Protein backbone atom coordinates (compact mmCIF):
# COMPACT_ATOMS: atom_id res chain seq x y z
CA MET A 1 64.34 -48.86 17.47
CA TRP A 2 65.18 -49.94 21.18
CA ARG A 3 68.39 -51.06 21.88
CA HIS A 4 66.79 -53.55 24.44
CA GLU A 5 63.72 -54.42 26.01
CA PHE A 6 62.69 -52.23 29.10
CA GLN A 7 63.25 -54.23 32.32
CA PRO A 8 60.87 -52.85 35.07
CA GLY A 9 62.84 -55.01 37.61
CA ARG A 10 65.94 -53.63 37.13
CA CYS A 11 64.60 -50.21 37.14
CA ILE A 12 62.66 -50.36 40.59
CA SER A 13 65.92 -52.10 41.99
CA GLY A 14 67.97 -49.09 40.77
CA LEU A 15 65.37 -46.87 42.13
CA VAL A 16 65.47 -48.10 45.41
CA LEU A 17 69.27 -48.35 45.83
CA VAL A 18 69.63 -44.65 44.65
CA THR A 19 67.13 -43.61 47.05
CA ALA A 20 68.67 -45.63 49.94
CA GLY A 21 72.06 -43.94 48.82
CA VAL A 22 70.23 -40.59 48.85
CA LEU A 23 68.89 -41.12 52.54
CA TYR A 24 72.24 -41.99 53.83
CA THR A 25 74.01 -39.37 51.94
CA GLY A 26 71.81 -36.70 53.57
CA ASP A 27 72.09 -38.24 56.84
CA ALA A 28 76.01 -38.07 56.30
CA ALA A 29 75.64 -34.22 55.28
CA GLY A 30 73.76 -33.87 58.51
CA GLU A 31 70.60 -32.65 56.70
CA TRP A 32 68.67 -35.23 58.33
CA GLU A 33 68.80 -38.05 60.80
CA VAL A 34 68.13 -41.61 59.17
CA ALA A 35 68.42 -44.75 61.63
CA TRP A 36 71.05 -47.34 60.64
CA PHE A 37 68.64 -50.16 60.16
CA VAL A 38 66.29 -48.05 57.74
CA ALA A 39 68.24 -49.76 54.60
CA ILE A 40 67.46 -53.21 55.59
CA PRO A 41 63.50 -53.06 55.04
CA LEU A 42 63.62 -50.41 52.25
CA VAL A 43 65.93 -52.51 50.02
CA ALA A 44 64.04 -55.83 50.89
CA ALA A 45 60.70 -54.49 50.17
CA GLY A 46 62.14 -52.67 46.98
CA PHE A 47 63.86 -55.84 45.88
CA PHE A 48 60.64 -58.05 46.54
CA PHE A 49 58.59 -55.64 44.38
CA ALA A 50 61.34 -55.54 41.59
CA ALA A 51 61.03 -59.22 41.52
CA VAL A 52 57.03 -58.97 41.02
CA ALA A 53 57.68 -56.65 38.39
CA GLY A 54 60.20 -58.60 36.43
CA LEU A 55 58.37 -61.78 37.02
CA THR A 56 55.11 -60.14 35.52
CA ALA A 57 57.15 -58.37 32.84
CA HIS A 58 58.56 -61.74 31.97
CA LEU A 59 54.98 -63.67 32.04
CA ILE A 60 53.77 -60.91 29.88
CA ARG A 61 56.26 -61.07 27.14
CA GLY A 62 56.27 -64.68 26.77
CA ALA A 63 52.66 -64.59 26.56
CA ARG A 64 52.96 -62.18 23.74
CA ARG A 65 55.51 -64.12 21.97
CA ASP A 66 53.14 -67.23 21.99
CA ALA A 67 50.60 -65.44 20.59
CA HIS A 68 53.02 -64.09 17.89
CA GLY A 69 54.11 -67.77 17.09
CA ASP A 70 57.65 -67.04 18.32
CA GLY A 71 57.80 -69.73 20.84
CA GLY A 72 59.96 -67.34 23.00
CA GLN A 73 63.03 -67.99 20.70
CA HIS A 74 65.40 -64.86 19.92
CA GLY A 75 67.30 -65.03 16.64
CA ASP A 76 68.06 -68.26 15.28
CA GLY A 77 67.38 -70.12 18.58
CA ASP A 78 70.99 -71.69 18.69
CA GLY A 79 72.44 -69.36 21.63
CA GLY A 80 75.01 -67.36 19.03
CA ARG A 81 77.05 -70.95 18.84
CA HIS A 82 76.60 -71.17 15.07
CA GLY A 83 77.65 -68.75 12.21
CA VAL A 84 75.67 -67.39 9.51
CA SER A 85 75.86 -70.42 7.38
CA GLY A 86 74.84 -72.33 10.16
CA GLU A 87 78.60 -74.10 10.93
CA SER A 88 79.71 -74.74 14.09
CA ARG A 89 82.50 -72.64 15.56
CA GLY A 90 85.51 -74.60 16.81
CA ALA A 91 87.20 -73.67 19.94
CA GLY A 92 89.98 -71.00 20.71
CA ASP A 93 89.74 -68.00 18.81
CA GLY A 94 86.29 -68.18 17.45
CA ARG A 95 87.85 -68.74 13.69
CA GLY A 96 87.05 -72.26 13.46
CA GLY A 97 89.88 -75.18 13.81
CA GLY A 98 90.75 -75.45 17.49
CA ALA A 99 92.95 -77.90 19.03
CA HIS A 100 92.99 -81.48 17.34
CA LEU A 101 94.65 -84.62 18.15
CA ILE A 102 96.32 -86.53 15.61
CA GLY A 103 97.32 -90.00 15.76
């Protein structure tokens, strides 16, 4: 079982930044010459393609969730605000209670 769903936008972003790092590392080591402005269009184009890939994946996942009747909700849909029994947690240390004013 996967620990998390694959996120292609983050993968592309990481690859682009690693590529820029390798290019400038090679330049610093004297292996090749890279102009100072190369990173700007490289990273901008990479982030653009990462955004397109992320948006596409999001739309595909949303369409699959709707087709399966999940409605896009993960878990019980409460965002982790409720415990197992459905009772609301209090403020503070997460064990309930919280600060109460008496009077």
